[in-house]
Amino acid sequence: MLSDYQQRLHEQFLSVPVISPPAPWRPVPDRYIPISGLLGIGFAPDLDDGSDLVMVVSTGGHGLFDAGTGEKIARDRNPDPDGSTPDAVPDLSCPGLGPLSATRVHIAGLFGGGLHSTTQDGWTLAVVSPEWPHDRVLLSTDGGMHNGPHGESWWHILDSDCSELRAAGFSPSGCTLAVATSSDLTLWTRPPHDTATPGEAGA
């Protein structure tokens, strides 16, 4: 039995459409990347310039993408079976590839783990399931309260109604927002020098 508050939230989350995140967030040029059998994703900084890279683990192997452009940087269709999925080790990591070949990357997804749900300057990401098992991804500037008007202090940015949600969150830098499902990866980015608070950014 839902309380009045829970019922209000349930109806609120069901009533709003999917909309784009506000400025300074913008979709990367190839923000929607189809990846069949996606199992999980993880972030790591480029060792040369510190920009965000995102590693994808799927049933078809491993891939590494530039999180700011969506460009595929490296691909391994036949990773070592002992490290092909993150559940092989306690810290849920996989061997990096391409420019990350000397490191391991923590992977969040089907086997557990998680991405950052907040940024240092006040953005919050939450996953709700008013129509379970379908998940909805919400971005907010009010600490995840979702009390203000939709499109002003919180945004319904993705509805995972066709595929299973694997992971959703920010990169450690706070410059990339990623949502991974069993069939695709969606990315948004913002400039690394952007230090405006969410309220100022949307003004």
N, C-alpha and C. Protein backbone atom coordinates (compact mmCIF):
# COMPACT_ATOMS: atom_id res chain seq x y z
N MET A 1 0.85 -1.19 0.00
CA MET A 1 0.00 0.00 0.00
C MET A 1 0.89 1.24 0.00
N LEU A 2 0.71 2.10 -0.97
CA LEU A 2 1.52 3.31 -1.07
C LEU A 2 0.97 4.41 -0.17
N SER A 3 1.89 5.15 0.45
CA SER A 3 1.47 6.33 1.20
C SER A 3 1.05 7.42 0.21
N ASP A 4 0.43 8.49 0.72
CA ASP A 4 0.03 9.59 -0.16
C ASP A 4 1.24 10.18 -0.88
N TYR A 5 2.35 10.31 -0.14
CA TYR A 5 3.57 10.86 -0.72
C TYR A 5 4.10 9.95 -1.81
N GLN A 6 4.13 8.65 -1.55
CA GLN A 6 4.61 7.70 -2.54
C GLN A 6 3.71 7.67 -3.77
N GLN A 7 2.41 7.78 -3.57
CA GLN A 7 1.48 7.81 -4.68
C GLN A 7 1.68 9.05 -5.54
N ARG A 8 1.94 10.18 -4.87
CA ARG A 8 2.17 11.43 -5.60
C ARG A 8 3.42 11.31 -6.47
N LEU A 9 4.49 10.76 -5.89
CA LEU A 9 5.72 10.59 -6.66
C LEU A 9 5.49 9.63 -7.82
N HIS A 10 4.78 8.55 -7.56
CA HIS A 10 4.50 7.55 -8.59
C HIS A 10 3.79 8.19 -9.77
N GLU A 11 2.76 8.96 -9.50
CA GLU A 11 2.00 9.61 -10.56
C GLU A 11 2.84 10.69 -11.26
N GLN A 12 3.64 11.38 -10.47
CA GLN A 12 4.49 12.43 -11.04
C GLN A 12 5.49 11.87 -12.01
N PHE A 13 6.16 10.78 -11.65
CA PHE A 13 7.17 10.19 -12.52
C PHE A 13 6.56 9.58 -13.78
N LEU A 14 5.33 9.10 -13.67
CA LEU A 14 4.66 8.53 -14.84
C LEU A 14 4.16 9.60 -15.80
N SER A 15 3.92 10.79 -15.30
CA SER A 15 3.23 11.81 -16.10
C SER A 15 4.15 12.64 -16.99
N VAL A 16 5.47 12.60 -16.74
CA VAL A 16 6.35 13.53 -17.45
C VAL A 16 7.03 12.84 -18.64
N PRO A 17 7.25 13.58 -19.73
CA PRO A 17 7.91 13.01 -20.91
C PRO A 17 9.42 13.03 -20.76
N VAL A 18 10.10 12.34 -21.64
CA VAL A 18 11.56 12.41 -21.73
C VAL A 18 11.95 13.74 -22.37
N ILE A 19 12.87 14.47 -21.72
CA ILE A 19 13.38 15.72 -22.28
C ILE A 19 14.89 15.74 -22.15
N SER A 20 15.53 16.62 -22.90
CA SER A 20 16.99 16.70 -22.89
C SER A 20 17.49 17.36 -21.61
N PRO A 21 18.64 16.98 -21.13
CA PRO A 21 19.24 17.69 -19.99
C PRO A 21 19.48 19.15 -20.35
N PRO A 22 19.48 20.03 -19.36
CA PRO A 22 19.68 21.46 -19.63
C PRO A 22 21.15 21.80 -19.84
N ALA A 23 21.41 23.01 -20.32
CA ALA A 23 22.78 23.51 -20.40
C ALA A 23 23.38 23.52 -18.99
N PRO A 24 24.65 23.20 -18.85
CA PRO A 24 25.66 23.08 -19.91
C PRO A 24 25.76 21.70 -20.54
N TRP A 25 24.87 20.77 -20.17
CA TRP A 25 24.94 19.43 -20.74
C TRP A 25 24.54 19.46 -22.21
N ARG A 26 25.24 18.68 -23.00
CA ARG A 26 24.90 18.54 -24.42
C ARG A 26 25.17 17.10 -24.84
N PRO A 27 24.39 16.58 -25.77
CA PRO A 27 24.67 15.22 -26.25
C PRO A 27 25.96 15.20 -27.04
N VAL A 28 26.73 14.14 -26.90
CA VAL A 28 27.92 14.01 -27.73
C VAL A 28 27.46 13.72 -29.16
N PRO A 29 28.28 13.98 -30.18
CA PRO A 29 27.84 13.79 -31.57
C PRO A 29 27.25 12.40 -31.83
N ASP A 30 27.85 11.38 -31.25
CA ASP A 30 27.31 10.02 -31.39
C ASP A 30 26.82 9.54 -30.03
N ARG A 31 25.90 10.33 -29.44
CA ARG A 31 25.52 10.07 -28.05
C ARG A 31 24.84 8.73 -27.86
N TYR A 32 24.14 8.24 -28.89
CA TYR A 32 23.46 6.96 -28.80
C TYR A 32 24.29 5.91 -29.53
N ILE A 33 24.92 5.03 -28.77
CA ILE A 33 25.83 4.05 -29.35
C ILE A 33 25.23 2.66 -29.17
N PRO A 34 24.76 2.01 -30.24
CA PRO A 34 24.21 0.66 -30.11
C PRO A 34 25.29 -0.34 -29.73
N ILE A 35 25.03 -1.13 -28.69
CA ILE A 35 25.98 -2.16 -28.26
C ILE A 35 25.17 -3.36 -27.80
N SER A 36 25.11 -4.36 -28.63
CA SER A 36 24.33 -5.56 -28.31
C SER A 36 24.98 -6.32 -27.16
N GLY A 37 24.16 -6.78 -26.23
CA GLY A 37 24.67 -7.58 -25.12
C GLY A 37 25.54 -6.81 -24.15
N LEU A 38 25.27 -5.51 -23.98
CA LEU A 38 26.08 -4.70 -23.06
C LEU A 38 25.93 -5.22 -21.63
N LEU A 39 27.05 -5.41 -20.96
CA LEU A 39 27.06 -5.92 -19.59
C LEU A 39 27.37 -4.84 -18.56
N GLY A 40 28.21 -3.87 -18.92
CA GLY A 40 28.57 -2.83 -17.98
C GLY A 40 29.52 -1.83 -18.59
N ILE A 41 29.72 -0.71 -17.87
CA ILE A 41 30.62 0.34 -18.34
C ILE A 41 31.45 0.85 -17.17
N GLY A 42 32.55 1.51 -17.50
CA GLY A 42 33.39 2.13 -16.48
C GLY A 42 34.13 3.31 -17.06
N PHE A 43 34.45 4.27 -16.21
CA PHE A 43 35.17 5.47 -16.64
C PHE A 43 36.63 5.42 -16.22
N ALA A 44 37.47 6.06 -17.01
CA ALA A 44 38.87 6.26 -16.66
C ALA A 44 39.37 7.49 -17.40
N PRO A 45 40.31 8.23 -16.83
CA PRO A 45 40.84 9.40 -17.53
C PRO A 45 41.88 9.00 -18.57
N ASP A 46 41.90 9.73 -19.67
CA ASP A 46 42.96 9.56 -20.65
C ASP A 46 44.28 9.93 -19.99
N LEU A 47 45.27 9.06 -20.09
CA LEU A 47 46.54 9.29 -19.41
C LEU A 47 47.31 10.47 -20.01
N ASP A 48 46.97 10.89 -21.22
CA ASP A 48 47.67 12.01 -21.85
C ASP A 48 47.10 13.37 -21.46
N ASP A 49 45.76 13.51 -21.55
CA ASP A 49 45.18 14.83 -21.29
C ASP A 49 44.12 14.86 -20.19
N GLY A 50 43.84 13.71 -19.58
CA GLY A 50 42.89 13.67 -18.47
C GLY A 50 41.43 13.67 -18.87
N SER A 51 41.12 13.68 -20.17
CA SER A 51 39.73 13.68 -20.61
C SER A 51 39.08 12.33 -20.30
N ASP A 52 37.75 12.33 -20.27
CA ASP A 52 37.01 11.13 -19.90
C ASP A 52 37.01 10.09 -21.01
N LEU A 53 37.32 8.86 -20.64
CA LEU A 53 37.16 7.71 -21.52
C LEU A 53 36.16 6.77 -20.86
N VAL A 54 35.37 6.08 -21.68
CA VAL A 54 34.41 5.13 -21.13
C VAL A 54 34.66 3.77 -21.76
N MET A 55 34.82 2.78 -20.91
CA MET A 55 35.05 1.41 -21.36
C MET A 55 33.73 0.64 -21.28
N VAL A 56 33.45 -0.12 -22.32
CA VAL A 56 32.23 -0.91 -22.41
C VAL A 56 32.58 -2.38 -22.44
N VAL A 57 31.91 -3.15 -21.59
CA VAL A 57 32.07 -4.61 -21.58
C VAL A 57 30.76 -5.21 -22.08
N SER A 58 30.84 -6.06 -23.08
CA SER A 58 29.65 -6.69 -23.65
C SER A 58 29.92 -8.14 -23.96
N THR A 59 28.89 -8.83 -24.38
CA THR A 59 29.07 -10.22 -24.77
C THR A 59 29.91 -10.33 -26.04
N GLY A 60 30.09 -9.22 -26.75
CA GLY A 60 30.91 -9.22 -27.96
C GLY A 60 32.33 -8.76 -27.75
N GLY A 61 32.73 -8.54 -26.47
CA GLY A 61 34.09 -8.12 -26.19
C GLY A 61 34.14 -6.81 -25.43
N HIS A 62 35.27 -6.11 -25.54
CA HIS A 62 35.49 -4.85 -24.85
C HIS A 62 35.68 -3.72 -25.86
N GLY A 63 35.21 -2.52 -25.49
CA GLY A 63 35.41 -1.36 -26.34
C GLY A 63 35.75 -0.15 -25.50
N LEU A 64 36.49 0.78 -26.07
CA LEU A 64 36.86 2.01 -25.38
C LEU A 64 36.45 3.18 -26.26
N PHE A 65 35.75 4.16 -25.63
CA PHE A 65 35.22 5.31 -26.36
C PHE A 65 35.67 6.62 -25.73
N ASP A 66 35.83 7.62 -26.58
CA ASP A 66 36.03 8.98 -26.11
C ASP A 66 34.67 9.48 -25.64
N ALA A 67 34.56 9.79 -24.35
CA ALA A 67 33.26 10.17 -23.79
C ALA A 67 32.79 11.53 -24.28
N GLY A 68 33.68 12.34 -24.80
CA GLY A 68 33.31 13.66 -25.28
C GLY A 68 32.82 13.69 -26.70
N THR A 69 33.15 12.65 -27.47
CA THR A 69 32.76 12.62 -28.88
C THR A 69 32.00 11.36 -29.26
N GLY A 70 32.10 10.30 -28.47
CA GLY A 70 31.50 9.03 -28.81
C GLY A 70 32.35 8.20 -29.75
N GLU A 71 33.53 8.70 -30.09
CA GLU A 71 34.40 7.99 -31.02
C GLU A 71 34.97 6.73 -30.38
N LYS A 72 34.96 5.63 -31.13
CA LYS A 72 35.56 4.39 -30.66
C LYS A 72 37.07 4.49 -30.79
N ILE A 73 37.78 4.27 -29.69
CA ILE A 73 39.23 4.40 -29.67
C ILE A 73 39.91 3.05 -29.80
N ALA A 74 39.34 2.04 -29.17
CA ALA A 74 39.96 0.71 -29.20
C ALA A 74 38.87 -0.35 -29.09
N ARG A 75 39.18 -1.54 -29.60
CA ARG A 75 38.21 -2.65 -29.59
C ARG A 75 38.95 -3.95 -29.40
N ASP A 76 38.42 -4.81 -28.53
CA ASP A 76 38.98 -6.15 -28.35
C ASP A 76 37.83 -7.13 -28.40
N ARG A 77 37.71 -7.83 -29.52
CA ARG A 77 36.60 -8.77 -29.68
C ARG A 77 36.84 -10.09 -28.96
N ASN A 78 38.08 -10.36 -28.60
CA ASN A 78 38.40 -11.63 -27.95
C ASN A 78 39.29 -11.40 -26.73
N PRO A 79 38.75 -10.76 -25.68
CA PRO A 79 39.56 -10.55 -24.48
C PRO A 79 39.87 -11.87 -23.80
N ASP A 80 40.91 -11.85 -22.99
CA ASP A 80 41.28 -13.03 -22.22
C ASP A 80 40.07 -13.49 -21.42
N PRO A 81 39.66 -14.75 -21.55
CA PRO A 81 38.47 -15.25 -20.83
C PRO A 81 38.54 -15.01 -19.33
N ASP A 82 39.75 -15.01 -18.77
CA ASP A 82 39.89 -14.81 -17.32
C ASP A 82 39.57 -13.38 -16.89
N GLY A 83 39.53 -12.44 -17.83
CA GLY A 83 39.23 -11.07 -17.47
C GLY A 83 38.18 -10.44 -18.35
N SER A 84 37.40 -11.27 -19.03
CA SER A 84 36.44 -10.74 -19.99
C SER A 84 35.22 -10.11 -19.32
N THR A 85 34.90 -10.54 -18.11
CA THR A 85 33.79 -9.94 -17.36
C THR A 85 34.29 -9.55 -15.97
N PRO A 86 33.71 -8.50 -15.38
CA PRO A 86 34.24 -7.98 -14.11
C PRO A 86 34.01 -8.88 -12.91
N ASP A 87 33.12 -9.84 -13.01
CA ASP A 87 32.86 -10.71 -11.85
C ASP A 87 34.00 -11.68 -11.59
N ALA A 88 35.03 -11.67 -12.45
CA ALA A 88 36.17 -12.57 -12.25
C ALA A 88 37.05 -12.13 -11.09
N VAL A 89 36.92 -10.87 -10.65
CA VAL A 89 37.77 -10.36 -9.57
C VAL A 89 36.90 -9.62 -8.54
N PRO A 90 37.39 -9.53 -7.28
CA PRO A 90 36.57 -8.92 -6.22
C PRO A 90 36.20 -7.46 -6.45
N ASP A 91 37.05 -6.69 -7.14
CA ASP A 91 36.76 -5.26 -7.29
C ASP A 91 36.00 -4.94 -8.58
N LEU A 92 35.47 -5.96 -9.25
CA LEU A 92 34.66 -5.76 -10.45
C LEU A 92 35.37 -4.89 -11.49
N SER A 93 36.59 -5.25 -11.80
CA SER A 93 37.36 -4.51 -12.79
C SER A 93 37.73 -5.42 -13.96
N CYS A 94 38.07 -4.79 -15.06
CA CYS A 94 38.55 -5.52 -16.23
C CYS A 94 39.83 -4.86 -16.72
N PRO A 95 40.69 -5.61 -17.40
CA PRO A 95 41.91 -5.00 -17.96
C PRO A 95 41.54 -3.93 -18.98
N GLY A 96 42.22 -2.79 -18.90
CA GLY A 96 41.99 -1.73 -19.87
C GLY A 96 42.52 -2.11 -21.24
N LEU A 97 42.20 -1.31 -22.23
CA LEU A 97 42.68 -1.56 -23.58
C LEU A 97 43.03 -0.23 -24.24
N GLY A 98 43.73 -0.30 -25.36
CA GLY A 98 44.16 0.92 -26.03
C GLY A 98 45.06 1.74 -25.12
N PRO A 99 44.80 3.03 -24.96
CA PRO A 99 45.63 3.86 -24.10
C PRO A 99 45.53 3.51 -22.62
N LEU A 100 44.60 2.63 -22.26
CA LEU A 100 44.44 2.20 -20.87
C LEU A 100 44.95 0.78 -20.65
N SER A 101 45.76 0.29 -21.57
CA SER A 101 46.20 -1.11 -21.51
C SER A 101 47.03 -1.44 -20.28
N ALA A 102 47.60 -0.41 -19.66
CA ALA A 102 48.44 -0.65 -18.47
C ALA A 102 47.64 -0.53 -17.17
N THR A 103 46.33 -0.32 -17.27
CA THR A 103 45.51 -0.13 -16.07
C THR A 103 44.34 -1.10 -16.06
N ARG A 104 43.61 -1.11 -14.95
CA ARG A 104 42.35 -1.84 -14.85
C ARG A 104 41.23 -0.82 -14.64
N VAL A 105 40.06 -1.12 -15.16
CA VAL A 105 38.93 -0.19 -15.10
C VAL A 105 37.79 -0.85 -14.33
N HIS A 106 37.28 -0.16 -13.32
CA HIS A 106 36.13 -0.66 -12.55
C HIS A 106 34.88 -0.57 -13.42
N ILE A 107 34.12 -1.66 -13.47
CA ILE A 107 32.96 -1.75 -14.34
C ILE A 107 31.68 -1.85 -13.50
N ALA A 108 30.71 -1.01 -13.82
CA ALA A 108 29.40 -1.05 -13.15
C ALA A 108 28.37 -1.58 -14.14
N GLY A 109 27.50 -2.48 -13.66
CA GLY A 109 26.50 -3.01 -14.57
C GLY A 109 25.83 -4.26 -14.05
N LEU A 110 25.73 -5.25 -14.92
CA LEU A 110 24.99 -6.47 -14.61
C LEU A 110 25.50 -7.18 -13.37
N PHE A 111 26.82 -7.12 -13.13
CA PHE A 111 27.41 -7.87 -12.02
C PHE A 111 27.54 -7.05 -10.74
N GLY A 112 27.04 -5.81 -10.76
CA GLY A 112 27.11 -4.96 -9.56
C GLY A 112 27.94 -3.72 -9.79
N GLY A 113 28.33 -3.08 -8.70
CA GLY A 113 29.09 -1.85 -8.79
C GLY A 113 28.19 -0.67 -9.12
N GLY A 114 28.78 0.50 -9.23
CA GLY A 114 27.99 1.69 -9.53
C GLY A 114 28.86 2.84 -9.99
N LEU A 115 28.22 3.81 -10.64
CA LEU A 115 28.88 5.04 -11.06
C LEU A 115 28.54 6.15 -10.07
N HIS A 116 29.21 7.29 -10.20
CA HIS A 116 28.92 8.42 -9.33
C HIS A 116 27.50 8.91 -9.56
N SER A 117 26.75 9.13 -8.48
CA SER A 117 25.37 9.61 -8.60
C SER A 117 25.25 11.11 -8.39
N THR A 118 26.35 11.76 -8.02
CA THR A 118 26.35 13.22 -7.83
C THR A 118 27.63 13.81 -8.39
N THR A 119 27.61 15.14 -8.59
CA THR A 119 28.82 15.87 -8.96
C THR A 119 29.13 16.87 -7.86
N GLN A 120 30.35 17.37 -7.84
CA GLN A 120 30.75 18.30 -6.78
C GLN A 120 29.98 19.61 -6.84
N ASP A 121 29.45 19.96 -8.02
CA ASP A 121 28.74 21.23 -8.13
C ASP A 121 27.22 21.08 -8.11
N GLY A 122 26.72 19.92 -7.64
CA GLY A 122 25.30 19.85 -7.29
C GLY A 122 24.35 19.14 -8.22
N TRP A 123 24.83 18.46 -9.25
CA TRP A 123 23.95 17.66 -10.09
C TRP A 123 23.76 16.29 -9.46
N THR A 124 22.56 15.75 -9.56
CA THR A 124 22.23 14.44 -8.98
C THR A 124 21.52 13.60 -10.03
N LEU A 125 21.85 12.31 -10.06
CA LEU A 125 21.19 11.38 -10.96
C LEU A 125 20.50 10.29 -10.13
N ALA A 126 19.28 9.96 -10.51
CA ALA A 126 18.53 8.93 -9.80
C ALA A 126 17.81 8.04 -10.80
N VAL A 127 17.59 6.80 -10.41
CA VAL A 127 16.83 5.85 -11.23
C VAL A 127 15.57 5.48 -10.46
N VAL A 128 14.41 5.65 -11.09
CA VAL A 128 13.13 5.29 -10.47
C VAL A 128 12.43 4.29 -11.37
N SER A 129 11.51 3.53 -10.78
CA SER A 129 10.84 2.47 -11.53
C SER A 129 9.34 2.47 -11.25
N PRO A 130 8.62 3.53 -11.67
CA PRO A 130 7.17 3.56 -11.43
C PRO A 130 6.42 2.52 -12.24
N GLU A 131 7.04 2.00 -13.30
CA GLU A 131 6.46 0.92 -14.10
C GLU A 131 7.44 -0.25 -14.13
N TRP A 132 7.86 -0.71 -12.97
CA TRP A 132 8.81 -1.80 -12.90
C TRP A 132 8.34 -2.96 -13.77
N PRO A 133 9.28 -3.58 -14.54
CA PRO A 133 10.74 -3.49 -14.45
C PRO A 133 11.36 -2.41 -15.33
N HIS A 134 10.58 -1.52 -15.91
CA HIS A 134 11.15 -0.44 -16.71
C HIS A 134 11.66 0.67 -15.81
N ASP A 135 12.85 1.19 -16.13
CA ASP A 135 13.49 2.22 -15.31
C ASP A 135 13.48 3.56 -16.01
N ARG A 136 13.40 4.63 -15.22
CA ARG A 136 13.49 5.99 -15.73
C ARG A 136 14.65 6.68 -15.05
N VAL A 137 15.42 7.43 -15.82
CA VAL A 137 16.60 8.11 -15.30
C VAL A 137 16.27 9.59 -15.15
N LEU A 138 16.51 10.12 -13.95
CA LEU A 138 16.17 11.50 -13.62
C LEU A 138 17.42 12.28 -13.24
N LEU A 139 17.60 13.42 -13.85
CA LEU A 139 18.68 14.35 -13.51
C LEU A 139 18.07 15.51 -12.74
N SER A 140 18.73 15.97 -11.67
CA SER A 140 18.13 17.04 -10.88
C SER A 140 19.19 17.97 -10.31
N THR A 141 18.71 19.13 -9.89
CA THR A 141 19.56 20.12 -9.23
C THR A 141 19.07 20.40 -7.82
N ASP A 142 18.12 19.62 -7.34
CA ASP A 142 17.56 19.85 -6.00
C ASP A 142 17.90 18.74 -5.03
N GLY A 143 19.03 18.07 -5.28
CA GLY A 143 19.45 17.00 -4.39
C GLY A 143 18.65 15.73 -4.53
N GLY A 144 17.93 15.58 -5.64
CA GLY A 144 17.15 14.38 -5.85
C GLY A 144 15.79 14.40 -5.21
N MET A 145 15.32 15.58 -4.79
CA MET A 145 14.00 15.67 -4.16
C MET A 145 12.88 15.67 -5.19
N HIS A 146 13.14 16.23 -6.37
CA HIS A 146 12.15 16.28 -7.47
C HIS A 146 10.87 16.98 -7.04
N ASN A 147 11.03 18.05 -6.27
CA ASN A 147 9.87 18.78 -5.76
C ASN A 147 9.43 19.90 -6.69
N GLY A 148 10.37 20.47 -7.43
CA GLY A 148 10.05 21.60 -8.31
C GLY A 148 9.44 21.14 -9.62
N PRO A 149 9.18 22.10 -10.51
CA PRO A 149 8.59 21.75 -11.80
C PRO A 149 9.54 20.93 -12.67
N HIS A 150 8.97 19.96 -13.36
CA HIS A 150 9.74 19.18 -14.32
C HIS A 150 10.23 20.11 -15.41
N GLY A 151 11.52 19.99 -15.77
CA GLY A 151 12.11 20.86 -16.77
C GLY A 151 12.74 22.11 -16.19
N GLU A 152 12.64 22.30 -14.87
CA GLU A 152 13.25 23.45 -14.22
C GLU A 152 14.27 23.04 -13.15
N SER A 153 13.90 22.11 -12.28
CA SER A 153 14.84 21.63 -11.27
C SER A 153 15.11 20.14 -11.39
N TRP A 154 14.37 19.46 -12.25
CA TRP A 154 14.66 18.06 -12.53
C TRP A 154 14.16 17.71 -13.92
N TRP A 155 14.80 16.69 -14.52
CA TRP A 155 14.57 16.34 -15.90
C TRP A 155 14.53 14.82 -16.05
N HIS A 156 13.49 14.31 -16.70
CA HIS A 156 13.40 12.89 -17.04
C HIS A 156 14.14 12.72 -18.36
N ILE A 157 15.37 12.19 -18.31
CA ILE A 157 16.24 12.21 -19.49
C ILE A 157 16.29 10.92 -20.28
N LEU A 158 15.81 9.81 -19.70
CA LEU A 158 15.83 8.55 -20.45
C LEU A 158 14.84 7.57 -19.84
N ASP A 159 14.12 6.88 -20.72
CA ASP A 159 13.16 5.86 -20.30
C ASP A 159 13.63 4.52 -20.85
N SER A 160 14.05 3.64 -19.97
CA SER A 160 14.57 2.34 -20.39
C SER A 160 13.40 1.35 -20.46
N ASP A 161 12.57 1.53 -21.49
CA ASP A 161 11.38 0.70 -21.61
C ASP A 161 11.54 -0.46 -22.58
N CYS A 162 12.63 -0.47 -23.34
CA CYS A 162 12.85 -1.54 -24.32
C CYS A 162 14.02 -2.45 -23.97
N SER A 163 14.92 -1.97 -23.11
CA SER A 163 16.10 -2.74 -22.73
C SER A 163 16.31 -2.62 -21.22
N GLU A 164 17.07 -3.54 -20.66
CA GLU A 164 17.35 -3.52 -19.23
C GLU A 164 18.43 -2.49 -18.90
N LEU A 165 18.17 -1.68 -17.89
CA LEU A 165 19.18 -0.71 -17.46
C LEU A 165 20.36 -1.44 -16.84
N ARG A 166 21.57 -1.04 -17.23
CA ARG A 166 22.78 -1.64 -16.68
C ARG A 166 23.46 -0.69 -15.68
N ALA A 167 23.59 0.59 -16.04
CA ALA A 167 24.26 1.55 -15.16
C ALA A 167 23.90 2.95 -15.61
N ALA A 168 23.89 3.88 -14.65
CA ALA A 168 23.64 5.29 -14.95
C ALA A 168 24.42 6.13 -13.95
N GLY A 169 25.12 7.14 -14.44
CA GLY A 169 25.87 7.98 -13.51
C GLY A 169 26.84 8.90 -14.21
N PHE A 170 27.61 9.60 -13.38
CA PHE A 170 28.60 10.57 -13.86
C PHE A 170 29.99 9.96 -13.85
N SER A 171 30.86 10.51 -14.68
CA SER A 171 32.27 10.18 -14.59
C SER A 171 32.83 10.82 -13.33
N PRO A 172 33.97 10.35 -12.81
CA PRO A 172 34.57 10.98 -11.62
C PRO A 172 34.83 12.46 -11.79
N SER A 173 35.12 12.91 -13.00
CA SER A 173 35.37 14.32 -13.25
C SER A 173 34.10 15.16 -13.19
N GLY A 174 32.94 14.51 -13.33
CA GLY A 174 31.68 15.21 -13.39
C GLY A 174 31.37 15.82 -14.74
N CYS A 175 32.20 15.54 -15.74
CA CYS A 175 32.03 16.13 -17.07
C CYS A 175 31.23 15.26 -18.02
N THR A 176 30.99 14.01 -17.66
CA THR A 176 30.25 13.11 -18.53
C THR A 176 29.11 12.47 -17.76
N LEU A 177 27.97 12.34 -18.41
CA LEU A 177 26.80 11.65 -17.89
C LEU A 177 26.51 10.49 -18.83
N ALA A 178 26.41 9.29 -18.28
CA ALA A 178 26.23 8.10 -19.11
C ALA A 178 25.06 7.27 -18.60
N VAL A 179 24.31 6.71 -19.55
CA VAL A 179 23.27 5.73 -19.24
C VAL A 179 23.51 4.52 -20.15
N ALA A 180 23.70 3.37 -19.53
CA ALA A 180 23.95 2.14 -20.29
C ALA A 180 22.80 1.16 -20.08
N THR A 181 22.29 0.62 -21.17
CA THR A 181 21.29 -0.44 -21.10
C THR A 181 21.87 -1.69 -21.75
N SER A 182 21.10 -2.75 -21.78
CA SER A 182 21.58 -4.00 -22.37
C SER A 182 21.79 -3.90 -23.87
N SER A 183 21.33 -2.79 -24.48
CA SER A 183 21.46 -2.67 -25.93
C SER A 183 22.17 -1.42 -26.42
N ASP A 184 22.48 -0.47 -25.52
CA ASP A 184 23.06 0.78 -26.00
C ASP A 184 23.69 1.59 -24.87
N LEU A 185 24.49 2.57 -25.29
CA LEU A 185 25.12 3.52 -24.38
C LEU A 185 24.75 4.92 -24.85
N THR A 186 24.26 5.76 -23.92
CA THR A 186 23.91 7.13 -24.23
C THR A 186 24.78 8.06 -23.40
N LEU A 187 25.35 9.08 -24.05
CA LEU A 187 26.31 9.97 -23.39
C LEU A 187 25.93 11.43 -23.56
N TRP A 188 26.14 12.21 -22.49
CA TRP A 188 26.09 13.67 -22.53
C TRP A 188 27.38 14.19 -21.91
N THR A 189 27.79 15.37 -22.30
CA THR A 189 29.04 15.92 -21.79
C THR A 189 28.87 17.40 -21.50
N ARG A 190 29.83 17.98 -20.80
CA ARG A 190 29.88 19.42 -20.56
C ARG A 190 31.34 19.82 -20.48
N PRO A 191 31.64 21.09 -20.70
CA PRO A 191 33.04 21.53 -20.70
C PRO A 191 33.71 21.29 -19.35
N PRO A 192 34.97 20.87 -19.35
CA PRO A 192 35.67 20.62 -18.09
C PRO A 192 35.89 21.87 -17.27
N HIS A 193 35.90 23.05 -17.90
CA HIS A 193 36.13 24.29 -17.18
C HIS A 193 34.84 24.88 -16.61
N ASP A 194 33.70 24.20 -16.85
CA ASP A 194 32.42 24.75 -16.41
C ASP A 194 32.31 24.60 -14.89
N THR A 195 32.28 25.70 -14.16
CA THR A 195 32.20 25.66 -12.71
C THR A 195 30.92 26.31 -12.21
N ALA A 196 30.00 26.65 -13.13
CA ALA A 196 28.75 27.27 -12.71
C ALA A 196 27.91 26.28 -11.93
N THR A 197 27.16 26.76 -10.95
CA THR A 197 26.23 25.92 -10.24
C THR A 197 25.08 25.60 -11.16
N PRO A 198 24.30 24.51 -10.90
CA PRO A 198 23.19 24.18 -11.78
C PRO A 198 22.21 25.33 -11.97
N GLY A 199 21.93 26.09 -10.93
CA GLY A 199 21.01 27.19 -11.05
C GLY A 199 21.51 28.27 -11.98
N GLU A 200 22.82 28.56 -11.89
CA GLU A 200 23.41 29.58 -12.76
C GLU A 200 23.47 29.09 -14.20
N ALA A 201 23.76 27.79 -14.36
CA ALA A 201 23.90 27.25 -15.72
C ALA A 201 22.60 27.33 -16.47
N GLY A 202 21.48 27.15 -15.78
CA GLY A 202 20.20 27.15 -16.45
C GLY A 202 19.58 28.52 -16.55
N ALA A 203 20.27 29.55 -16.01
CA ALA A 203 19.68 30.89 -16.00
C ALA A 203 19.72 31.52 -17.39
